Amino acid sequence: MPLLQWLARLTRATVWMAVHLTIAAALLLLSAYFFARGGADDANGGYFFRVVGSVWLYAAAYSYIARGILQRPPAAPLVKGEKPNTTAVVKNSGGCVLIIMAIGAAFVLGGRAADWAWAGIAGPDARHPARVAADRVLYTLQDAATRPDAYAPYAVGLVVALLVLRVLGRMASPTPTMTAPQARQPAPSPVARPGSTTRATTGKRKGHSVAEANAAALATAAAAASARTTDNSTATSAGMGSRLDTREDRVLGSLFWSAADGAWQARNHEASHNMAIRIEAGPSGPTSHQIDLARSAVQRSFELQLRASDAARPKALAKGVGLPRFTIAAISVGADAAAATPVTVHLRCEGDTTTDYAVRSTDGMHTFKP
């Protein structure tokens, strides 16, 4: 990830961190106010606001570290009906314990700080640091209310600086470029369905250019032939008869047999995944196990991207990519071998668009290896 893009996200996360810290501090000070009153009902209110403030403080700190500094993507939710494995259960249990410990630490340490600050604000000592800070904040707010023209340029300047930094971050993000072999790869044309007339498209359909780039990346990575049998005349010369052998799938879209590649291709321009799918099978069609793997790869594409990226990241770091970020270009399902059917994920790295980062899994896409 480019430095400017990372800096823009960090700055935005810092601004939100300041907002959430203000809210958490207000909740903790409110709890200290209730505890200072000393009544039984007041203590209940103090515990309530202190728990809420501690949870808010933990959430703000975790979001700032994970999303602002490290900029990790959010965890992928489980697919409906999928059961977590033992490793996931252990990680989630350990994570819950750590979260409870962190909230407890925020409750104790933040509560002590809030009690100390409230004692200084409400106490008679005018030189107490909390009293001095509160007086300065109160004076600044009163001055801003009476003279808004003096503070407006600072607010406008901050907003403009954030917008400029965000635009520069987007401009600095690399755009994937096609290599020479990929440029020579012909783009697949639409699949003709029985009883309909095939019309040539001009690339105006949404997602069409992305699908073409993904198909080219798969062809380069898998060393497939440069020609595709995507129309009726080509299919006839390959011995397929007068009808193009295609099938429709509710998840994968159009499945068609490519004699030159010796495999089945899945193409769905209207789908959200926009990735090329290749299934190694004969003209009779893929097995149900291969179809299930391909469907699972599409439906769990975000989780798949995270697991495959972890396996490809050491290679990118070794090539000098500072903060590698990957997207799935194509997925290849190997020949059916029961539980050990291989699935290869081809990744495109934003910092190194000329390299095919291919990782392979033989355990149902739970783990990947380069």
Protein backbone atom coordinates (compact mmCIF):
# COMPACT_ATOMS: atom_id res chain seq x y z
CA MET A 1 0.00 0.00 0.00
CA PRO A 2 1.45 3.42 -0.91
CA LEU A 3 2.67 5.64 1.89
CA LEU A 4 0.28 8.47 1.09
CA GLN A 5 -2.70 6.13 1.09
CA TRP A 6 -1.64 4.68 4.43
CA LEU A 7 -1.06 8.18 5.83
CA ALA A 8 -4.49 9.34 4.65
CA ARG A 9 -6.23 6.44 6.38
CA LEU A 10 -4.13 6.96 9.51
CA THR A 11 -5.06 10.65 9.64
CA ARG A 12 -8.76 9.86 9.23
CA ALA A 13 -8.50 7.19 11.96
CA THR A 14 -6.73 9.69 14.24
CA VAL A 15 -9.56 12.21 13.87
CA TRP A 16 -12.16 9.55 14.71
CA MET A 17 -9.97 8.39 17.60
CA ALA A 18 -10.04 11.90 19.06
CA VAL A 19 -13.84 11.99 18.79
CA HIS A 20 -14.28 8.60 20.48
CA LEU A 21 -11.75 9.44 23.20
CA THR A 22 -13.76 12.57 24.00
CA ILE A 23 -16.95 10.51 24.33
CA ALA A 24 -15.24 7.85 26.47
CA ALA A 25 -13.67 10.52 28.72
CA ALA A 26 -17.05 12.17 29.19
CA LEU A 27 -18.64 8.85 30.20
CA LEU A 28 -15.84 8.08 32.68
CA LEU A 29 -16.05 11.57 34.19
CA LEU A 30 -19.81 11.15 34.53
CA SER A 31 -19.23 7.89 36.40
CA ALA A 32 -16.74 9.64 38.69
CA TYR A 33 -19.36 12.32 39.39
CA PHE A 34 -21.88 9.68 40.50
CA PHE A 35 -19.30 7.88 42.67
CA ALA A 36 -18.33 11.19 44.31
CA ARG A 37 -21.91 11.75 45.46
CA GLY A 38 -21.69 8.61 47.64
CA GLY A 39 -25.30 7.38 47.51
CA ALA A 40 -26.36 3.77 46.81
CA ASP A 41 -28.36 4.74 43.75
CA ASP A 42 -25.55 7.00 42.63
CA ALA A 43 -23.12 4.06 42.80
CA ASN A 44 -25.32 2.07 40.42
CA GLY A 45 -25.23 4.94 37.96
CA GLY A 46 -21.46 5.21 38.40
CA TYR A 47 -20.92 1.53 37.60
CA PHE A 48 -23.19 1.77 34.56
CA PHE A 49 -21.43 4.75 32.99
CA ARG A 50 -17.98 3.37 33.89
CA VAL A 51 -18.67 0.04 32.16
CA VAL A 52 -20.01 1.80 29.06
CA GLY A 53 -17.05 4.19 29.03
CA SER A 54 -14.56 1.33 29.43
CA VAL A 55 -16.10 -0.61 26.53
CA TRP A 56 -16.12 2.54 24.40
CA LEU A 57 -12.48 3.23 25.25
CA TYR A 58 -11.42 -0.32 24.34
CA ALA A 59 -13.33 -0.24 21.05
CA ALA A 60 -11.78 3.10 20.11
CA ALA A 61 -8.23 1.94 20.92
CA TYR A 62 -8.64 -1.39 19.08
CA SER A 63 -10.16 0.27 16.02
CA TYR A 64 -7.35 2.83 15.89
CA ILE A 65 -4.59 0.21 16.13
CA ALA A 66 -6.14 -2.41 13.84
CA ARG A 67 -7.80 -0.15 11.26
CA GLY A 68 -5.68 3.00 11.52
CA ILE A 69 -2.09 1.90 12.17
CA LEU A 70 -2.04 -1.72 10.93
CA GLN A 71 -5.02 -1.19 8.56
CA ARG A 72 -6.14 -4.79 8.72
CA PRO A 73 -9.32 -5.70 6.82
CA PRO A 74 -12.32 -6.79 8.91
CA ALA A 75 -12.70 -10.50 9.55
CA ALA A 76 -14.88 -12.38 7.09
CA PRO A 77 -18.13 -13.70 8.57
CA LEU A 78 -18.91 -17.40 8.40
CA VAL A 79 -21.04 -18.60 5.55
CA LYS A 80 -24.56 -19.63 6.59
CA GLY A 81 -24.49 -23.27 7.64
CA GLU A 82 -20.68 -23.43 7.97
CA LYS A 83 -19.27 -24.67 11.27
CA PRO A 84 -15.99 -23.20 12.60
CA ASN A 85 -13.08 -25.60 12.96
CA THR A 86 -11.17 -26.27 16.19
CA THR A 87 -8.47 -23.71 15.42
CA ALA A 88 -11.05 -20.97 14.86
CA VAL A 89 -12.84 -21.86 18.10
CA VAL A 90 -9.58 -21.70 20.09
CA LYS A 91 -8.65 -18.36 18.52
CA ASN A 92 -12.08 -16.89 19.19
CA SER A 93 -12.05 -18.12 22.81
CA GLY A 94 -8.60 -16.66 23.40
CA GLY A 95 -9.67 -13.42 21.75
CA CYS A 96 -12.72 -13.16 24.02
CA VAL A 97 -10.53 -13.60 27.10
CA LEU A 98 -8.14 -10.89 25.89
CA ILE A 99 -11.04 -8.53 25.17
CA ILE A 100 -12.46 -9.03 28.68
CA MET A 101 -9.00 -8.41 30.19
CA ALA A 102 -8.54 -5.24 28.11
CA ILE A 103 -11.97 -3.89 29.11
CA GLY A 104 -11.17 -4.70 32.75
CA ALA A 105 -7.89 -2.79 32.51
CA ALA A 106 -9.72 0.17 30.97
CA PHE A 107 -12.30 -0.02 33.79
CA VAL A 108 -9.64 0.09 36.52
CA LEU A 109 -7.06 2.46 35.01
CA GLY A 110 -9.56 4.71 33.25
CA GLY A 111 -11.74 4.81 36.38
CA ARG A 112 -8.81 5.85 38.56
CA ALA A 113 -7.86 8.57 36.11
CA ALA A 114 -11.47 9.79 35.97
CA ASP A 115 -11.76 9.88 39.79
CA TRP A 116 -8.49 11.83 40.01
CA ALA A 117 -9.60 14.29 37.31
CA TRP A 118 -13.04 14.85 38.83
CA ALA A 119 -11.55 15.38 42.27
CA GLY A 120 -9.37 18.11 40.78
CA ILE A 121 -12.18 19.71 38.80
CA ALA A 122 -14.64 19.77 41.68
CA GLY A 123 -12.05 20.37 44.40
CA PRO A 124 -10.81 23.64 45.86
CA ASP A 125 -7.26 23.42 44.42
CA ALA A 126 -7.12 25.88 41.52
CA ARG A 127 -3.66 24.62 40.48
CA HIS A 128 -4.71 21.00 39.99
CA PRO A 129 -3.75 19.87 36.44
CA ALA A 130 -7.26 18.63 35.71
CA ARG A 131 -8.74 21.92 36.93
CA VAL A 132 -6.34 23.92 34.76
CA ALA A 133 -7.10 21.77 31.69
CA ALA A 134 -10.86 22.03 32.25
CA ASP A 135 -10.63 25.81 32.60
CA ARG A 136 -8.69 26.06 29.35
CA VAL A 137 -11.23 23.93 27.48
CA LEU A 138 -14.12 25.96 28.90
CA TYR A 139 -12.41 29.23 27.98
CA THR A 140 -11.73 28.02 24.43
CA LEU A 141 -15.35 26.97 23.93
CA GLN A 142 -16.64 30.30 25.24
CA ASP A 143 -14.20 32.20 23.05
CA ALA A 144 -15.19 30.14 19.98
CA ALA A 145 -18.87 30.86 20.69
CA THR A 146 -18.27 34.61 20.93
CA ARG A 147 -15.72 34.85 18.08
CA PRO A 148 -16.48 32.08 15.55
CA ASP A 149 -14.71 33.98 12.75
CA ALA A 150 -11.37 33.52 14.53
CA TYR A 151 -11.69 29.73 14.71
CA ALA A 152 -13.47 29.00 11.43
CA PRO A 153 -10.26 29.13 9.29
CA TYR A 154 -8.68 26.40 11.43
CA ALA A 155 -11.69 24.11 11.01
CA VAL A 156 -11.82 24.74 7.26
CA GLY A 157 -8.08 24.18 6.93
CA LEU A 158 -8.32 20.86 8.76
CA VAL A 159 -11.15 19.65 6.50
CA VAL A 160 -9.29 20.75 3.34
CA ALA A 161 -6.08 19.07 4.52
CA LEU A 162 -7.95 15.80 5.12
CA LEU A 163 -9.57 15.95 1.68
CA VAL A 164 -6.27 16.71 -0.06
CA LEU A 165 -4.52 13.89 1.78
CA ARG A 166 -7.33 11.50 0.82
CA VAL A 167 -7.15 12.49 -2.85
CA LEU A 168 -3.37 12.10 -2.90
CA GLY A 169 -3.70 8.67 -1.30
CA ARG A 170 -6.11 7.54 -4.01
CA MET A 171 -3.87 8.93 -6.75
CA ALA A 172 -0.86 7.12 -5.28
CA SER A 173 -2.59 3.73 -5.20
CA PRO A 174 -1.15 1.64 -8.06
CA THR A 175 -3.35 0.69 -11.00
CA PRO A 176 -2.93 -2.93 -12.20
CA THR A 177 -1.27 -3.05 -15.62
CA MET A 178 -1.21 -5.92 -18.08
CA THR A 179 2.06 -7.52 -19.08
CA ALA A 180 3.00 -8.19 -22.72
CA PRO A 181 1.75 -11.82 -22.71
CA GLN A 182 -1.49 -10.67 -21.10
CA ALA A 183 -1.92 -7.91 -23.68
CA ARG A 184 -1.68 -10.46 -26.47
CA GLN A 185 -4.29 -12.67 -24.81
CA PRO A 186 -7.63 -12.23 -26.63
CA ALA A 187 -10.54 -11.22 -24.43
CA PRO A 188 -13.33 -13.81 -24.17
CA SER A 189 -16.53 -12.95 -25.96
CA PRO A 190 -19.99 -13.54 -24.49
CA VAL A 191 -21.23 -17.13 -24.36
CA ALA A 192 -24.04 -17.94 -26.74
CA ARG A 193 -26.99 -19.65 -25.10
CA PRO A 194 -29.13 -22.17 -27.02
CA GLY A 195 -31.95 -20.46 -28.86
CA SER A 196 -30.44 -16.99 -28.67
CA THR A 197 -28.31 -14.83 -30.94
CA THR A 198 -24.81 -13.85 -29.80
CA ARG A 199 -24.12 -10.13 -29.96
CA ALA A 200 -20.64 -8.61 -29.70
CA THR A 201 -20.19 -6.29 -26.74
CA THR A 202 -18.11 -3.15 -26.69
CA GLY A 203 -16.99 -3.29 -23.06
CA LYS A 204 -19.65 -0.87 -21.88
CA ARG A 205 -21.23 -3.38 -19.52
CA LYS A 206 -20.29 -2.89 -15.88
CA GLY A 207 -17.43 -5.14 -14.75
CA HIS A 208 -16.60 -6.36 -18.29
CA SER A 209 -13.06 -4.94 -18.37
CA VAL A 210 -12.34 -6.40 -14.93
CA ALA A 211 -13.51 -9.84 -16.06
CA GLU A 212 -11.29 -9.64 -19.15
CA ALA A 213 -8.22 -8.75 -17.06
CA ASN A 214 -8.94 -11.59 -14.63
CA ALA A 215 -9.34 -14.09 -17.46
CA ALA A 216 -6.04 -12.93 -18.96
CA ALA A 217 -4.26 -13.29 -15.60
CA LEU A 218 -5.55 -16.84 -15.24
CA ALA A 219 -4.41 -17.74 -18.74
CA THR A 220 -0.91 -16.43 -18.06
CA ALA A 221 -0.61 -18.13 -14.66
CA ALA A 222 -1.92 -21.48 -15.84
CA ALA A 223 0.06 -21.43 -19.13
CA ALA A 224 -3.12 -22.04 -21.10
CA ALA A 225 -3.36 -21.74 -24.85
CA SER A 226 -3.76 -18.26 -26.29
CA ALA A 227 -7.01 -19.05 -28.11
CA ARG A 228 -10.41 -19.79 -26.56
CA THR A 229 -13.27 -21.68 -28.16
CA THR A 230 -15.95 -19.15 -27.41
CA ASP A 231 -18.13 -19.17 -30.52
CA ASN A 232 -19.98 -21.78 -32.53
CA SER A 233 -17.52 -22.01 -35.42
CA THR A 234 -14.54 -22.61 -33.14
CA ALA A 235 -16.46 -25.21 -31.17
CA THR A 236 -17.38 -27.03 -34.39
CA SER A 237 -13.73 -27.18 -35.56
CA ALA A 238 -12.71 -28.61 -32.17
CA GLY A 239 -15.10 -31.51 -32.59
CA MET A 240 -17.78 -30.19 -30.27
CA GLY A 241 -20.56 -30.44 -32.85
CA SER A 242 -22.82 -27.63 -33.95
CA ARG A 243 -23.67 -26.56 -30.38
CA LEU A 244 -21.37 -24.79 -27.90
CA ASP A 245 -21.20 -26.95 -24.76
CA THR A 246 -22.35 -24.59 -22.00
CA ARG A 247 -24.07 -24.98 -18.65
CA GLU A 248 -25.66 -22.54 -16.26
CA ASP A 249 -24.95 -22.43 -12.52
CA ARG A 250 -26.77 -20.29 -9.96
CA VAL A 251 -23.49 -19.13 -8.37
CA LEU A 252 -20.81 -19.46 -11.06
CA GLY A 253 -22.89 -18.21 -13.97
CA SER A 254 -22.05 -19.61 -17.44
CA LEU A 255 -19.84 -22.71 -17.47
CA PHE A 256 -18.34 -23.51 -20.87
CA TRP A 257 -15.89 -26.13 -22.12
CA SER A 258 -12.63 -24.91 -23.71
CA ALA A 259 -11.03 -27.59 -25.88
CA ALA A 260 -7.82 -25.57 -26.29
CA ASP A 261 -7.40 -25.27 -22.51
CA GLY A 262 -8.78 -28.71 -21.72
CA ALA A 263 -10.83 -27.33 -18.84
CA TRP A 264 -14.11 -25.66 -17.97
CA GLN A 265 -14.32 -21.90 -17.56
CA ALA A 266 -16.86 -19.96 -15.50
CA ARG A 267 -17.78 -16.45 -16.49
CA ASN A 268 -20.42 -14.25 -14.87
CA HIS A 269 -20.14 -10.56 -15.79
CA GLU A 270 -23.13 -9.63 -13.66
CA ALA A 271 -21.75 -11.20 -10.45
CA SER A 272 -19.98 -9.18 -7.79
CA HIS A 273 -16.87 -11.32 -7.59
CA ASN A 274 -15.58 -10.52 -11.13
CA MET A 275 -12.94 -13.25 -11.05
CA ALA A 276 -12.06 -15.97 -13.54
CA ILE A 277 -12.81 -19.55 -12.48
CA ARG A 278 -11.11 -22.54 -14.10
CA ILE A 279 -12.07 -26.17 -13.39
CA GLU A 280 -9.90 -29.03 -14.68
CA ALA A 281 -12.31 -31.62 -16.01
CA GLY A 282 -13.11 -33.48 -19.23
CA PRO A 283 -15.79 -32.66 -21.79
CA SER A 284 -18.34 -34.64 -19.78
CA GLY A 285 -18.28 -31.90 -17.13
CA PRO A 286 -16.88 -31.21 -13.63
CA THR A 287 -17.78 -33.40 -10.69
CA SER A 288 -20.13 -32.22 -7.98
CA HIS A 289 -17.18 -31.90 -5.59
CA GLN A 290 -15.36 -29.57 -7.98
CA ILE A 291 -18.49 -27.49 -8.45
CA ASP A 292 -18.92 -27.23 -4.66
CA LEU A 293 -15.33 -26.04 -4.27
CA ALA A 294 -15.77 -23.42 -6.99
CA ARG A 295 -19.02 -22.21 -5.44
CA SER A 296 -17.45 -22.04 -2.00
CA ALA A 297 -14.54 -20.03 -3.41
CA VAL A 298 -16.93 -17.47 -4.88
CA GLN A 299 -19.21 -17.26 -1.84
CA ARG A 300 -16.29 -17.04 0.59
CA SER A 301 -14.08 -14.86 -1.60
CA PHE A 302 -13.26 -12.38 1.17
CA GLU A 303 -12.20 -15.09 3.63
CA LEU A 304 -10.34 -16.83 0.81
CA GLN A 305 -8.48 -13.64 -0.01
CA LEU A 306 -7.31 -13.23 3.59
CA ARG A 307 -6.03 -16.80 3.90
CA ALA A 308 -4.34 -16.78 0.50
CA SER A 309 -2.78 -13.38 1.20
CA ASP A 310 -1.16 -14.71 4.39
CA ALA A 311 0.56 -17.42 2.33
CA ALA A 312 1.66 -15.04 -0.45
CA ARG A 313 2.81 -12.20 1.79
CA PRO A 314 6.36 -13.60 2.54
CA LYS A 315 7.10 -13.76 -1.19
CA ALA A 316 5.98 -10.17 -1.70
CA LEU A 317 8.03 -8.96 1.27
CA ALA A 318 11.08 -10.79 -0.08
CA LYS A 319 10.65 -8.90 -3.38
CA GLY A 320 10.69 -5.57 -1.54
CA VAL A 321 6.96 -4.76 -1.34
CA GLY A 322 6.57 -2.80 1.88
CA LEU A 323 2.90 -3.30 2.72
CA PRO A 324 1.58 -5.90 0.25
CA ARG A 325 -2.14 -5.87 -0.44
CA PHE A 326 -3.66 -8.58 -2.61
CA THR A 327 -6.79 -9.10 -4.67
CA ILE A 328 -7.94 -12.34 -6.25
CA ALA A 329 -7.36 -12.42 -10.02
CA ALA A 330 -8.39 -16.01 -10.71
CA ILE A 331 -9.13 -19.37 -9.08
CA SER A 332 -8.30 -22.78 -10.52
CA VAL A 333 -9.87 -26.00 -9.21
CA GLY A 334 -7.69 -29.01 -10.00
CA ALA A 335 -8.65 -32.53 -11.00
CA ASP A 336 -11.01 -34.24 -8.58
CA ALA A 337 -9.09 -36.21 -5.95
CA ALA A 338 -11.69 -36.67 -3.21
CA ALA A 339 -10.67 -34.70 -0.10
CA ALA A 340 -7.31 -33.62 -1.60
CA THR A 341 -8.65 -31.78 -4.65
CA PRO A 342 -6.21 -28.89 -5.17
CA VAL A 343 -7.42 -25.30 -5.39
CA THR A 344 -5.00 -22.68 -6.69
CA VAL A 345 -5.64 -18.99 -6.03
CA HIS A 346 -3.88 -16.45 -8.25
CA LEU A 347 -3.39 -13.13 -6.46
CA ARG A 348 -2.54 -9.71 -7.83
CA CYS A 349 -0.42 -7.47 -5.58
CA GLU A 350 -0.94 -3.71 -5.74
CA GLY A 351 2.76 -3.06 -5.21
CA ASP A 352 3.96 -5.66 -7.75
CA THR A 353 1.42 -6.07 -10.55
CA THR A 354 3.76 -8.03 -12.85
CA THR A 355 4.06 -11.08 -10.58
CA ASP A 356 1.51 -13.89 -10.34
CA TYR A 357 1.28 -14.78 -6.65
CA ALA A 358 -0.15 -18.29 -6.83
CA VAL A 359 -0.90 -20.24 -3.63
CA ARG A 360 -2.32 -23.76 -3.40
CA SER A 361 -4.61 -25.58 -0.98
CA THR A 362 -5.42 -29.29 -0.72
CA ASP A 363 -7.54 -29.25 2.44
CA GLY A 364 -10.70 -27.54 1.27
CA MET A 365 -9.21 -24.00 1.24
CA HIS A 366 -8.49 -23.95 4.97
CA THR A 367 -4.73 -23.46 4.53
CA PHE A 368 -2.62 -22.32 1.59
CA LYS A 369 1.01 -22.79 0.60
CA PRO A 370 3.04 -21.01 -2.11
